[in-house]
Amino acid sequence: MANYILLMTLTPEGREKALADPERVVRAGHETRVEGVQGLGLYGVLGPYDFIGIVEAPDNDAAARYSMQLGVKAMVHITTLPAVPVALLQDKSGGDDTILTTGAEAGPGDRGDPVA
């Protein structure tokens, strides 16, 4: 399973609906169902995006289907980014492996959840 970051901005119509029903995006996230995709978090943010979502999906195709369905239901534009744990980006060939050791330490196949 892989993690994906969903960067969301409300459409003009979505903004109007959000004023009348602020829980619309949250409900849309709960109602959007794609096999194998699980929502891990939804955050309202400041800056160029209105919301950021984190999902776990078996592959890019499932993540894309989820993103498309959520965008329609929540009335948001979504940019979907695959998220790779930093530890998986390390050069395993014997080079300097201290370069990318910040954040979660994950081995191949690990999700990269933060270490407590």
PDB file of N, CA and C in Angstrom:
ATOM      1  N   MET A   1       0.840  -1.180   0.000  1.00  0.00           N
ATOM      2  CA  MET A   1       0.000   0.000   0.000  1.00  0.00           C
ATOM      3  C   MET A   1       0.882   1.239   0.000  1.00  0.00           C
ATOM      4  N   ALA A   2       0.400   2.270  -0.648  1.00  0.00           N
ATOM      5  CA  ALA A   2       1.147   3.527  -0.733  1.00  0.00           C
ATOM      6  C   ALA A   2       0.282   4.665  -0.195  1.00  0.00           C
ATOM      7  N   ASN A   3       0.938   5.711   0.260  1.00  0.00           N
ATOM      8  CA  ASN A   3       0.237   6.904   0.730  1.00  0.00           C
ATOM      9  C   ASN A   3       0.205   7.948  -0.379  1.00  0.00           C
ATOM     10  N   TYR A   4      -0.868   8.726  -0.399  1.00  0.00           N
ATOM     11  CA  TYR A   4      -1.047   9.791  -1.375  1.00  0.00           C
ATOM     12  C   TYR A   4      -1.507  11.044  -0.647  1.00  0.00           C
ATOM     13  N   ILE A   5      -0.999  12.195  -1.093  1.00  0.00           N
ATOM     14  CA  ILE A   5      -1.399  13.493  -0.563  1.00  0.00           C
ATOM     15  C   ILE A   5      -2.358  14.120  -1.575  1.00  0.00           C
ATOM     16  N   LEU A   6      -3.515  14.577  -1.111  1.00  0.00           N
ATOM     17  CA  LEU A   6      -4.502  15.225  -1.973  1.00  0.00           C
ATOM     18  C   LEU A   6      -4.563  16.701  -1.601  1.00  0.00           C
ATOM     19  N   LEU A   7      -4.134  17.554  -2.523  1.00  0.00           N
ATOM     20  CA  LEU A   7      -4.172  19.006  -2.327  1.00  0.00           C
ATOM     21  C   LEU A   7      -5.472  19.508  -2.943  1.00  0.00           C
ATOM     22  N   MET A   8      -6.346  20.101  -2.128  1.00  0.00           N
ATOM     23  CA  MET A   8      -7.696  20.433  -2.585  1.00  0.00           C
ATOM     24  C   MET A   8      -8.003  21.925  -2.493  1.00  0.00           C
ATOM     25  N   THR A   9      -8.635  22.434  -3.546  1.00  0.00           N
ATOM     26  CA  THR A   9      -9.171  23.799  -3.535  1.00  0.00           C
ATOM     27  C   THR A   9     -10.642  23.723  -3.926  1.00  0.00           C
ATOM     28  N   LEU A  10     -11.455  24.452  -3.211  1.00  0.00           N
ATOM     29  CA  LEU A  10     -12.883  24.481  -3.515  1.00  0.00           C
ATOM     30  C   LEU A  10     -13.125  25.139  -4.872  1.00  0.00           C
ATOM     31  N   THR A  11     -14.064  24.590  -5.628  1.00  0.00           N
ATOM     32  CA  THR A  11     -14.502  25.245  -6.856  1.00  0.00           C
ATOM     33  C   THR A  11     -15.360  26.446  -6.453  1.00  0.00           C
ATOM     34  N   PRO A  12     -15.641  27.377  -7.376  1.00  0.00           N
ATOM     35  CA  PRO A  12     -16.527  28.493  -7.017  1.00  0.00           C
ATOM     36  C   PRO A  12     -17.874  28.013  -6.454  1.00  0.00           C
ATOM     37  N   GLU A  13     -18.453  27.007  -7.085  1.00  0.00           N
ATOM     38  CA  GLU A  13     -19.717  26.460  -6.574  1.00  0.00           C
ATOM     39  C   GLU A  13     -19.497  25.783  -5.221  1.00  0.00           C
ATOM     40  N   GLY A  14     -18.356  25.112  -5.067  1.00  0.00           N
ATOM     41  CA  GLY A  14     -18.034  24.459  -3.801  1.00  0.00           C
ATOM     42  C   GLY A  14     -17.895  25.442  -2.655  1.00  0.00           C
ATOM     43  N   ARG A  15     -17.356  26.630  -2.943  1.00  0.00           N
ATOM     44  CA  ARG A  15     -17.244  27.675  -1.906  1.00  0.00           C
ATOM     45  C   ARG A  15     -18.619  28.093  -1.399  1.00  0.00           C
ATOM     46  N   GLU A  16     -19.537  28.302  -2.334  1.00  0.00           N
ATOM     47  CA  GLU A  16     -20.894  28.695  -1.943  1.00  0.00           C
ATOM     48  C   GLU A  16     -21.557  27.610  -1.105  1.00  0.00           C
ATOM     49  N   LYS A  17     -21.404  26.359  -1.533  1.00  0.00           N
ATOM     50  CA  LYS A  17     -21.997  25.240  -0.795  1.00  0.00           C
ATOM     51  C   LYS A  17     -21.345  25.091   0.577  1.00  0.00           C
ATOM     52  N   ALA A  18     -20.036  25.340   0.666  1.00  0.00           N
ATOM     53  CA  ALA A  18     -19.326  25.203   1.943  1.00  0.00           C
ATOM     54  C   ALA A  18     -19.806  26.227   2.960  1.00  0.00           C
ATOM     55  N   LEU A  19     -20.188  27.408   2.497  1.00  0.00           N
ATOM     56  CA  LEU A  19     -20.721  28.416   3.417  1.00  0.00           C
ATOM     57  C   LEU A  19     -22.036  27.946   4.033  1.00  0.00           C
ATOM     58  N   ALA A  20     -22.871  27.312   3.229  1.00  0.00           N
ATOM     59  CA  ALA A  20     -24.161  26.827   3.712  1.00  0.00           C
ATOM     60  C   ALA A  20     -24.030  25.517   4.485  1.00  0.00           C
ATOM     61  N   ASP A  21     -23.026  24.702   4.139  1.00  0.00           N
ATOM     62  CA  ASP A  21     -22.865  23.373   4.746  1.00  0.00           C
ATOM     63  C   ASP A  21     -21.377  23.081   4.932  1.00  0.00           C
ATOM     64  N   PRO A  22     -20.772  23.578   6.018  1.00  0.00           N
ATOM     65  CA  PRO A  22     -19.329  23.427   6.220  1.00  0.00           C
ATOM     66  C   PRO A  22     -18.845  21.972   6.312  1.00  0.00           C
ATOM     67  N   GLU A  23     -19.720  21.044   6.639  1.00  0.00           N
ATOM     68  CA  GLU A  23     -19.328  19.632   6.772  1.00  0.00           C
ATOM     69  C   GLU A  23     -19.346  18.877   5.441  1.00  0.00           C
ATOM     70  N   ARG A  24     -19.660  19.557   4.355  1.00  0.00           N
ATOM     71  CA  ARG A  24     -19.808  18.910   3.046  1.00  0.00           C
ATOM     72  C   ARG A  24     -18.564  18.119   2.636  1.00  0.00           C
ATOM     73  N   VAL A  25     -17.392  18.707   2.773  1.00  0.00           N
ATOM     74  CA  VAL A  25     -16.155  18.037   2.347  1.00  0.00           C
ATOM     75  C   VAL A  25     -15.886  16.820   3.222  1.00  0.00           C
ATOM     76  N   VAL A  26     -16.112  16.950   4.520  1.00  0.00           N
ATOM     77  CA  VAL A  26     -15.903  15.816   5.434  1.00  0.00           C
ATOM     78  C   VAL A  26     -16.843  14.672   5.067  1.00  0.00           C
ATOM     79  N   ARG A  27     -18.115  14.986   4.849  1.00  0.00           N
ATOM     80  CA  ARG A  27     -19.084  13.963   4.467  1.00  0.00           C
ATOM     81  C   ARG A  27     -18.702  13.302   3.146  1.00  0.00           C
ATOM     82  N   ALA A  28     -18.281  14.117   2.186  1.00  0.00           N
ATOM     83  CA  ALA A  28     -17.891  13.570   0.879  1.00  0.00           C
ATOM     84  C   ALA A  28     -16.735  12.590   1.035  1.00  0.00           C
ATOM     85  N   GLY A  29     -15.795  12.907   1.922  1.00  0.00           N
ATOM     86  CA  GLY A  29     -14.677  11.998   2.172  1.00  0.00           C
ATOM     87  C   GLY A  29     -15.138  10.669   2.741  1.00  0.00           C
ATOM     88  N   HIS A  30     -16.116  10.710   3.653  1.00  0.00           N
ATOM     89  CA  HIS A  30     -16.645   9.475   4.247  1.00  0.00           C
ATOM     90  C   HIS A  30     -17.477   8.679   3.250  1.00  0.00           C
ATOM     91  N   GLU A  31     -18.148   9.370   2.344  1.00  0.00           N
ATOM     92  CA  GLU A  31     -19.040   8.709   1.388  1.00  0.00           C
ATOM     93  C   GLU A  31     -18.321   8.186   0.150  1.00  0.00           C
ATOM     94  N   THR A  32     -17.126   8.667  -0.121  1.00  0.00           N
ATOM     95  CA  THR A  32     -16.393   8.236  -1.314  1.00  0.00           C
ATOM     96  C   THR A  32     -15.775   6.874  -1.042  1.00  0.00           C
ATOM     97  N   ARG A  33     -16.137   5.905  -1.861  1.00  0.00           N
ATOM     98  CA  ARG A  33     -15.671   4.533  -1.669  1.00  0.00           C
ATOM     99  C   ARG A  33     -14.995   4.022  -2.938  1.00  0.00           C
ATOM    100  N   VAL A  34     -13.743   3.646  -2.809  1.00  0.00           N
ATOM    101  CA  VAL A  34     -13.013   2.957  -3.872  1.00  0.00           C
ATOM    102  C   VAL A  34     -12.320   1.787  -3.196  1.00  0.00           C
ATOM    103  N   GLU A  35     -12.463   0.599  -3.760  1.00  0.00           N
ATOM    104  CA  GLU A  35     -11.911  -0.603  -3.137  1.00  0.00           C
ATOM    105  C   GLU A  35     -10.422  -0.443  -2.845  1.00  0.00           C
ATOM    106  N   GLY A  36     -10.061  -0.717  -1.603  1.00  0.00           N
ATOM    107  CA  GLY A  36      -8.663  -0.678  -1.189  1.00  0.00           C
ATOM    108  C   GLY A  36      -8.165   0.679  -0.739  1.00  0.00           C
ATOM    109  N   VAL A  37      -8.965   1.733  -0.901  1.00  0.00           N
ATOM    110  CA  VAL A  37      -8.527   3.082  -0.526  1.00  0.00           C
ATOM    111  C   VAL A  37      -9.097   3.428   0.849  1.00  0.00           C
ATOM    112  N   GLN A  38      -8.216   3.908   1.716  1.00  0.00           N
ATOM    113  CA  GLN A  38      -8.622   4.292   3.068  1.00  0.00           C
ATOM    114  C   GLN A  38      -8.162   5.715   3.354  1.00  0.00           C
ATOM    115  N   GLY A  39      -9.079   6.551   3.824  1.00  0.00           N
ATOM    116  CA  GLY A  39      -8.722   7.906   4.231  1.00  0.00           C
ATOM    117  C   GLY A  39      -7.967   7.877   5.544  1.00  0.00           C
ATOM    118  N   LEU A  40      -6.833   8.565   5.606  1.00  0.00           N
ATOM    119  CA  LEU A  40      -6.033   8.614   6.830  1.00  0.00           C
ATOM    120  C   LEU A  40      -6.164   9.943   7.550  1.00  0.00           C
ATOM    121  N   GLY A  41      -6.545  10.988   6.832  1.00  0.00           N
ATOM    122  CA  GLY A  41      -6.680  12.291   7.474  1.00  0.00           C
ATOM    123  C   GLY A  41      -7.152  13.343   6.494  1.00  0.00           C
ATOM    124  N   LEU A  42      -7.859  14.337   7.025  1.00  0.00           N
ATOM    125  CA  LEU A  42      -8.309  15.482   6.237  1.00  0.00           C
ATOM    126  C   LEU A  42      -8.069  16.718   7.080  1.00  0.00           C
ATOM    127  N   TYR A  43      -7.401  17.714   6.499  1.00  0.00           N
ATOM    128  CA  TYR A  43      -7.011  18.910   7.234  1.00  0.00           C
ATOM    129  C   TYR A  43      -7.406  20.158   6.460  1.00  0.00           C
ATOM    130  N   GLY A  44      -7.980  21.123   7.160  1.00  0.00           N
ATOM    131  CA  GLY A  44      -8.169  22.454   6.599  1.00  0.00           C
ATOM    132  C   GLY A  44      -6.858  23.200   6.769  1.00  0.00           C
ATOM    133  N   VAL A  45      -6.422  23.912   5.736  1.00  0.00           N
ATOM    134  CA  VAL A  45      -5.112  24.573   5.788  1.00  0.00           C
ATOM    135  C   VAL A  45      -5.209  26.017   5.305  1.00  0.00           C
ATOM    136  N   LEU A  46      -4.204  26.783   5.649  1.00  0.00           N
ATOM    137  CA  LEU A  46      -4.060  28.150   5.157  1.00  0.00           C
ATOM    138  C   LEU A  46      -3.130  28.129   3.954  1.00  0.00           C
ATOM    139  N   GLY A  47      -3.256  29.082   3.063  1.00  0.00           N
ATOM    140  CA  GLY A  47      -2.373  29.146   1.900  1.00  0.00           C
ATOM    141  C   GLY A  47      -3.142  28.885   0.622  1.00  0.00           C
ATOM    142  N   PRO A  48      -2.461  28.387  -0.402  1.00  0.00           N
ATOM    143  CA  PRO A  48      -3.099  28.237  -1.712  1.00  0.00           C
ATOM    144  C   PRO A  48      -4.124  27.103  -1.772  1.00  0.00           C
ATOM    145  N   TYR A  49      -4.139  26.214  -0.785  1.00  0.00           N
ATOM    146  CA  TYR A  49      -5.094  25.100  -0.771  1.00  0.00           C
ATOM    147  C   TYR A  49      -6.074  25.291   0.375  1.00  0.00           C
ATOM    148  N   ASP A  50      -7.265  24.744   0.218  1.00  0.00           N
ATOM    149  CA  ASP A  50      -8.281  24.821   1.267  1.00  0.00           C
ATOM    150  C   ASP A  50      -8.213  23.618   2.205  1.00  0.00           C
ATOM    151  N   PHE A  51      -7.892  22.458   1.642  1.00  0.00           N
ATOM    152  CA  PHE A  51      -7.819  21.217   2.417  1.00  0.00           C
ATOM    153  C   PHE A  51      -6.661  20.377   1.906  1.00  0.00           C
ATOM    154  N   ILE A  52      -6.137  19.539   2.788  1.00  0.00           N
ATOM    155  CA  ILE A  52      -5.162  18.522   2.400  1.00  0.00           C
ATOM    156  C   ILE A  52      -5.655  17.202   2.969  1.00  0.00           C
ATOM    157  N   GLY A  53      -5.728  16.199   2.110  1.00  0.00           N
ATOM    158  CA  GLY A  53      -6.131  14.869   2.537  1.00  0.00           C
ATOM    159  C   GLY A  53      -4.974  13.905   2.386  1.00  0.00           C
ATOM    160  N   ILE A  54      -4.977  12.873   3.209  1.00  0.00           N
ATOM    161  CA  ILE A  54      -3.984  11.806   3.101  1.00  0.00           C
ATOM    162  C   ILE A  54      -4.758  10.503   2.998  1.00  0.00           C
ATOM    163  N   VAL A  55      -4.468   9.723   1.966  1.00  0.00           N
ATOM    164  CA  VAL A  55      -5.124   8.431   1.781  1.00  0.00           C
ATOM    165  C   VAL A  55      -4.078   7.354   1.552  1.00  0.00           C
ATOM    166  N   GLU A  56      -4.489   6.128   1.813  1.00  0.00           N
ATOM    167  CA  GLU A  56      -3.668   4.961   1.515  1.00  0.00           C
ATOM    168  C   GLU A  56      -4.393   4.196   0.418  1.00  0.00           C
ATOM    169  N   ALA A  57      -3.666   3.814  -0.625  1.00  0.00           N
ATOM    170  CA  ALA A  57      -4.282   3.116  -1.752  1.00  0.00           C
ATOM    171  C   ALA A  57      -3.333   2.036  -2.262  1.00  0.00           C
ATOM    172  N   PRO A  58      -3.890   0.996  -2.885  1.00  0.00           N
ATOM    173  CA  PRO A  58      -3.040  -0.082  -3.382  1.00  0.00           C
ATOM    174  C   PRO A  58      -2.194   0.301  -4.593  1.00  0.00           C
ATOM    175  N   ASP A  59      -2.647   1.301  -5.370  1.00  0.00           N
ATOM    176  CA  ASP A  59      -1.892   1.696  -6.561  1.00  0.00           C
ATOM    177  C   ASP A  59      -2.373   3.063  -7.052  1.00  0.00           C
ATOM    178  N   ASN A  60      -1.683   3.585  -8.065  1.00  0.00           N
ATOM    179  CA  ASN A  60      -2.025   4.900  -8.615  1.00  0.00           C
ATOM    180  C   ASN A  60      -3.429   4.933  -9.212  1.00  0.00           C
ATOM    181  N   ASP A  61      -3.847   3.834  -9.835  1.00  0.00           N
ATOM    182  CA  ASP A  61      -5.177   3.795 -10.451  1.00  0.00           C
ATOM    183  C   ASP A  61      -6.272   3.982  -9.406  1.00  0.00           C
ATOM    184  N   ALA A  62      -6.163   3.276  -8.293  1.00  0.00           N
ATOM    185  CA  ALA A  62      -7.165   3.394  -7.225  1.00  0.00           C
ATOM    186  C   ALA A  62      -7.140   4.798  -6.630  1.00  0.00           C
ATOM    187  N   ALA A  63      -5.954   5.353  -6.435  1.00  0.00           N
ATOM    188  CA  ALA A  63      -5.840   6.714  -5.896  1.00  0.00           C
ATOM    189  C   ALA A  63      -6.471   7.723  -6.853  1.00  0.00           C
ATOM    190  N   ALA A  64      -6.275   7.539  -8.151  1.00  0.00           N
ATOM    191  CA  ALA A  64      -6.855   8.448  -9.142  1.00  0.00           C
ATOM    192  C   ALA A  64      -8.379   8.347  -9.154  1.00  0.00           C
ATOM    193  N   ARG A  65      -8.915   7.127  -9.074  1.00  0.00           N
ATOM    194  CA  ARG A  65     -10.375   6.959  -9.033  1.00  0.00           C
ATOM    195  C   ARG A  65     -10.962   7.637  -7.793  1.00  0.00           C
ATOM    196  N   TYR A  66     -10.302   7.441  -6.649  1.00  0.00           N
ATOM    197  CA  TYR A  66     -10.768   8.067  -5.408  1.00  0.00           C
ATOM    198  C   TYR A  66     -10.738   9.588  -5.540  1.00  0.00           C
ATOM    199  N   SER A  67      -9.639  10.108  -6.051  1.00  0.00           N
ATOM    200  CA  SER A  67      -9.476  11.550  -6.203  1.00  0.00           C
ATOM    201  C   SER A  67     -10.564  12.131  -7.106  1.00  0.00           C
ATOM    202  N   MET A  68     -10.852  11.452  -8.204  1.00  0.00           N
ATOM    203  CA  MET A  68     -11.862  11.942  -9.134  1.00  0.00           C
ATOM    204  C   MET A  68     -13.246  11.932  -8.488  1.00  0.00           C
ATOM    205  N   GLN A  69     -13.585  10.839  -7.824  1.00  0.00           N
ATOM    206  CA  GLN A  69     -14.897  10.750  -7.179  1.00  0.00           C
ATOM    207  C   GLN A  69     -15.041  11.777  -6.061  1.00  0.00           C
ATOM    208  N   LEU A  70     -14.001  11.939  -5.252  1.00  0.00           N
ATOM    209  CA  LEU A  70     -14.048  12.915  -4.165  1.00  0.00           C
ATOM    210  C   LEU A  70     -14.187  14.331  -4.714  1.00  0.00           C
ATOM    211  N   GLY A  71     -13.472  14.631  -5.780  1.00  0.00           N
ATOM    212  CA  GLY A  71     -13.550  15.958  -6.381  1.00  0.00           C
ATOM    213  C   GLY A  71     -14.955  16.317  -6.819  1.00  0.00           C
ATOM    214  N   VAL A  72     -15.658  15.348  -7.409  1.00  0.00           N
ATOM    215  CA  VAL A  72     -17.031  15.582  -7.857  1.00  0.00           C
ATOM    216  C   VAL A  72     -17.960  15.766  -6.658  1.00  0.00           C
ATOM    217  N   LYS A  73     -17.857  14.878  -5.668  1.00  0.00           N
ATOM    218  CA  LYS A  73     -18.759  14.936  -4.508  1.00  0.00           C
ATOM    219  C   LYS A  73     -18.514  16.163  -3.632  1.00  0.00           C
ATOM    220  N   ALA A  74     -17.252  16.526  -3.444  1.00  0.00           N
ATOM    221  CA  ALA A  74     -16.916  17.628  -2.535  1.00  0.00           C
ATOM    222  C   ALA A  74     -16.843  18.973  -3.241  1.00  0.00           C
ATOM    223  N   MET A  75     -16.939  18.953  -4.575  1.00  0.00           N
ATOM    224  CA  MET A  75     -16.817  20.175  -5.379  1.00  0.00           C
ATOM    225  C   MET A  75     -15.472  20.855  -5.141  1.00  0.00           C
ATOM    226  N   VAL A  76     -14.410  20.069  -5.326  1.00  0.00           N
ATOM    227  CA  VAL A  76     -13.049  20.575  -5.165  1.00  0.00           C
ATOM    228  C   VAL A  76     -12.201  20.159  -6.362  1.00  0.00           C
ATOM    229  N   HIS A  77     -11.198  20.975  -6.660  1.00  0.00           N
ATOM    230  CA  HIS A  77     -10.147  20.589  -7.603  1.00  0.00           C
ATOM    231  C   HIS A  77      -9.083  19.888  -6.765  1.00  0.00           C
ATOM    232  N   ILE A  78      -8.569  18.753  -7.259  1.00  0.00           N
ATOM    233  CA  ILE A  78      -7.599  17.984  -6.477  1.00  0.00           C
ATOM    234  C   ILE A  78      -6.344  17.732  -7.290  1.00  0.00           C
ATOM    235  N   THR A  79      -5.202  17.974  -6.661  1.00  0.00           N
ATOM    236  CA  THR A  79      -3.910  17.539  -7.180  1.00  0.00           C
ATOM    237  C   THR A  79      -3.472  16.389  -6.286  1.00  0.00           C
ATOM    238  N   THR A  80      -3.265  15.208  -6.875  1.00  0.00           N
ATOM    239  CA  THR A  80      -2.916  14.020  -6.103  1.00  0.00           C
ATOM    240  C   THR A  80      -1.437  13.711  -6.282  1.00  0.00           C
ATOM    241  N   LEU A  81      -0.743  13.582  -5.160  1.00  0.00           N
ATOM    242  CA  LEU A  81       0.698  13.322  -5.169  1.00  0.00           C
ATOM    243  C   LEU A  81       1.009  12.006  -4.473  1.00  0.00           C
ATOM    244  N   PRO A  82       1.744  11.089  -5.129  1.00  0.00           N
ATOM    245  CA  PRO A  82       2.198   9.907  -4.403  1.00  0.00           C
ATOM    246  C   PRO A  82       3.244  10.338  -3.376  1.00  0.00           C
ATOM    247  N   ALA A  83       3.164   9.794  -2.171  1.00  0.00           N
ATOM    248  CA  ALA A  83       4.098  10.158  -1.099  1.00  0.00           C
ATOM    249  C   ALA A  83       5.034   8.983  -0.831  1.00  0.00           C
ATOM    250  N   VAL A  84       6.322   9.213  -0.984  1.00  0.00           N
ATOM    251  CA  VAL A  84       7.331   8.176  -0.786  1.00  0.00           C
ATOM    252  C   VAL A  84       8.059   8.457   0.524  1.00  0.00           C
ATOM    253  N   PRO A  85       8.095   7.490   1.463  1.00  0.00           N
ATOM    254  CA  PRO A  85       8.856   7.714   2.692  1.00  0.00           C
ATOM    255  C   PRO A  85      10.307   8.072   2.366  1.00  0.00           C
ATOM    256  N   VAL A  86      10.818   9.078   3.035  1.00  0.00           N
ATOM    257  CA  VAL A  86      12.168   9.574   2.752  1.00  0.00           C
ATOM    258  C   VAL A  86      13.200   8.457   2.860  1.00  0.00           C
ATOM    259  N   ALA A  87      13.033   7.556   3.804  1.00  0.00           N
ATOM    260  CA  ALA A  87      14.007   6.478   3.980  1.00  0.00           C
ATOM    261  C   ALA A  87      14.117   5.596   2.735  1.00  0.00           C
ATOM    262  N   LEU A  88      13.051   5.508   1.950  1.00  0.00           N
ATOM    263  CA  LEU A  88      13.100   4.694   0.733  1.00  0.00           C
ATOM    264  C   LEU A  88      13.877   5.374  -0.386  1.00  0.00           C
ATOM    265  N   LEU A  89      14.168   6.659  -0.236  1.00  0.00           N
ATOM    266  CA  LEU A  89      14.919   7.390  -1.252  1.00  0.00           C
ATOM    267  C   LEU A  89      16.425   7.275  -1.050  1.00  0.00           C
ATOM    268  N   GLN A  90      16.832   6.670   0.045  1.00  0.00           N
ATOM    269  CA  GLN A  90      18.261   6.560   0.333  1.00  0.00           C
ATOM    270  C   GLN A  90      18.959   5.666  -0.679  1.00  0.00           C
ATOM    271  N   ASP A  91      20.210   6.006  -0.943  1.00  0.00           N
ATOM    272  CA  ASP A  91      21.062   5.204  -1.819  1.00  0.00           C
ATOM    273  C   ASP A  91      21.546   4.001  -1.020  1.00  0.00           C
ATOM    274  N   LYS A  92      21.101   2.812  -1.383  1.00  0.00           N
ATOM    275  CA  LYS A  92      21.464   1.585  -0.660  1.00  0.00           C
ATOM    276  C   LYS A  92      22.751   0.957  -1.193  1.00  0.00           C
ATOM    277  N   SER A  93      23.440   1.632  -2.121  1.00  0.00           N
ATOM    278  CA  SER A  93      24.624   1.042  -2.742  1.00  0.00           C
ATOM    279  C   SER A  93      25.899   1.289  -1.958  1.00  0.00           C
ATOM    280  N   GLY A  94      25.782   1.809  -0.747  1.00  0.00           N
ATOM    281  CA  GLY A  94      26.983   2.018   0.059  1.00  0.00           C
ATOM    282  C   GLY A  94      27.437   3.455   0.098  1.00  0.00           C
ATOM    283  N   GLY A  95      26.692   4.362  -0.538  1.00  0.00           N
ATOM    284  CA  GLY A  95      27.034   5.778  -0.504  1.00  0.00           C
ATOM    285  C   GLY A  95      26.693   6.370   0.850  1.00  0.00           C
ATOM    286  N   ASP A  96      26.694   7.671   0.928  1.00  0.00           N
ATOM    287  CA  ASP A  96      26.386   8.369   2.174  1.00  0.00           C
ATOM    288  C   ASP A  96      24.897   8.232   2.456  1.00  0.00           C
ATOM    289  N   ASP A  97      24.552   7.350   3.402  1.00  0.00           N
ATOM    290  CA  ASP A  97      23.149   7.128   3.701  1.00  0.00           C
ATOM    291  C   ASP A  97      22.644   8.015   4.833  1.00  0.00           C
ATOM    292  N   THR A  98      23.395   9.033   5.197  1.00  0.00           N
ATOM    293  CA  THR A  98      22.916   9.962   6.219  1.00  0.00           C
ATOM    294  C   THR A  98      22.205  11.157   5.586  1.00  0.00           C
ATOM    295  N   ILE A  99      22.214  11.248   4.274  1.00  0.00           N
ATOM    296  CA  ILE A  99      21.653  12.411   3.594  1.00  0.00           C
ATOM    297  C   ILE A  99      20.146  12.517   3.813  1.00  0.00           C
ATOM    298  N   LEU A 100      19.431  11.423   3.673  1.00  0.00           N
ATOM    299  CA  LEU A 100      17.973  11.463   3.735  1.00  0.00           C
ATOM    300  C   LEU A 100      17.438  10.641   4.906  1.00  0.00           C
ATOM    301  N   THR A 101      17.836  10.966   6.108  1.00  0.00           N
ATOM    302  CA  THR A 101      17.375  10.186   7.251  1.00  0.00           C
ATOM    303  C   THR A 101      16.430  10.954   8.162  1.00  0.00           C
ATOM    304  N   THR A 102      15.920  12.078   7.713  1.00  0.00           N
ATOM    305  CA  THR A 102      14.975  12.817   8.543  1.00  0.00           C
ATOM    306  C   THR A 102      13.588  12.222   8.395  1.00  0.00           C
ATOM    307  N   GLY A 103      12.744  12.424   9.379  1.00  0.00           N
ATOM    308  CA  GLY A 103      11.381  11.923   9.323  1.00  0.00           C
ATOM    309  C   GLY A 103      11.314  10.454   9.651  1.00  0.00           C
ATOM    310  N   ALA A 104      10.279   9.802   9.153  1.00  0.00           N
ATOM    311  CA  ALA A 104      10.051   8.395   9.458  1.00  0.00           C
ATOM    312  C   ALA A 104      11.095   7.530   8.773  1.00  0.00           C
ATOM    313  N   GLU A 105      11.577   6.553   9.482  1.00  0.00           N
ATOM    314  CA  GLU A 105      12.530   5.593   8.928  1.00  0.00           C
ATOM    315  C   GLU A 105      11.744   4.367   8.484  1.00  0.00           C
ATOM    316  N   ALA A 106      11.735   4.091   7.203  1.00  0.00           N
ATOM    317  CA  ALA A 106      10.950   2.984   6.674  1.00  0.00           C
ATOM    318  C   ALA A 106      11.815   2.106   5.796  1.00  0.00           C
ATOM    319  N   GLY A 107      11.570   0.833   5.878  1.00  0.00           N
ATOM    320  CA  GLY A 107      12.230  -0.105   4.990  1.00  0.00           C
ATOM    321  C   GLY A 107      11.344  -0.364   3.790  1.00  0.00           C
ATOM    322  N   PRO A 108      11.824  -1.104   2.800  1.00  0.00           N
ATOM    323  CA  PRO A 108      11.000  -1.413   1.631  1.00  0.00           C
ATOM    324  C   PRO A 108       9.692  -2.067   2.059  1.00  0.00           C
ATOM    325  N   GLY A 109       8.587  -1.556   1.559  1.00  0.00           N
ATOM    326  CA  GLY A 109       7.275  -2.086   1.896  1.00  0.00           C
ATOM    327  C   GLY A 109       6.631  -1.441   3.100  1.00  0.00           C
ATOM    328  N   ASP A 110       7.389  -0.694   3.891  1.00  0.00           N
ATOM    329  CA  ASP A 110       6.817  -0.003   5.046  1.00  0.00           C
ATOM    330  C   ASP A 110       6.065   1.224   4.573  1.00  0.00           C
ATOM    331  N   ARG A 111       5.083   1.648   5.358  1.00  0.00           N
ATOM    332  CA  ARG A 111       4.284   2.816   5.011  1.00  0.00           C
ATOM    333  C   ARG A 111       4.971   4.105   5.381  1.00  0.00           C
ATOM    334  N   GLY A 112       5.943   4.069   6.235  1.00  0.00           N
ATOM    335  CA  GLY A 112       6.617   5.300   6.623  1.00  0.00           C
ATOM    336  C   GLY A 112       5.885   6.065   7.693  1.00  0.00           C
ATOM    337  N   ASP A 113       5.142   5.344   8.545  1.00  0.00           N
ATOM    338  CA  ASP A 113       4.464   6.016   9.649  1.00  0.00           C
ATOM    339  C   ASP A 113       5.491   6.623  10.580  1.00  0.00           C
ATOM    340  N   PRO A 114       5.195   7.785  11.167  1.00  0.00           N
ATOM    341  CA  PRO A 114       6.139   8.420  12.089  1.00  0.00           C
ATOM    342  C   PRO A 114       6.484   7.507  13.248  1.00  0.00           C
ATOM    343  N   VAL A 115       7.721   7.551  13.652  1.00  0.00           N
ATOM    344  CA  VAL A 115       8.197   6.762  14.780  1.00  0.00           C
ATOM    345  C   VAL A 115       7.923   7.543  16.051  1.00  0.00           C
ATOM    346  N   ALA A 116       7.320   6.891  17.041  1.00  0.00           N
ATOM    347  CA  ALA A 116       6.987   7.587  18.299  1.00  0.00           C
ATOM    348  C   ALA A 116       8.215   7.769  19.157  1.00  0.00           C
TER     349      ALA A 116
END
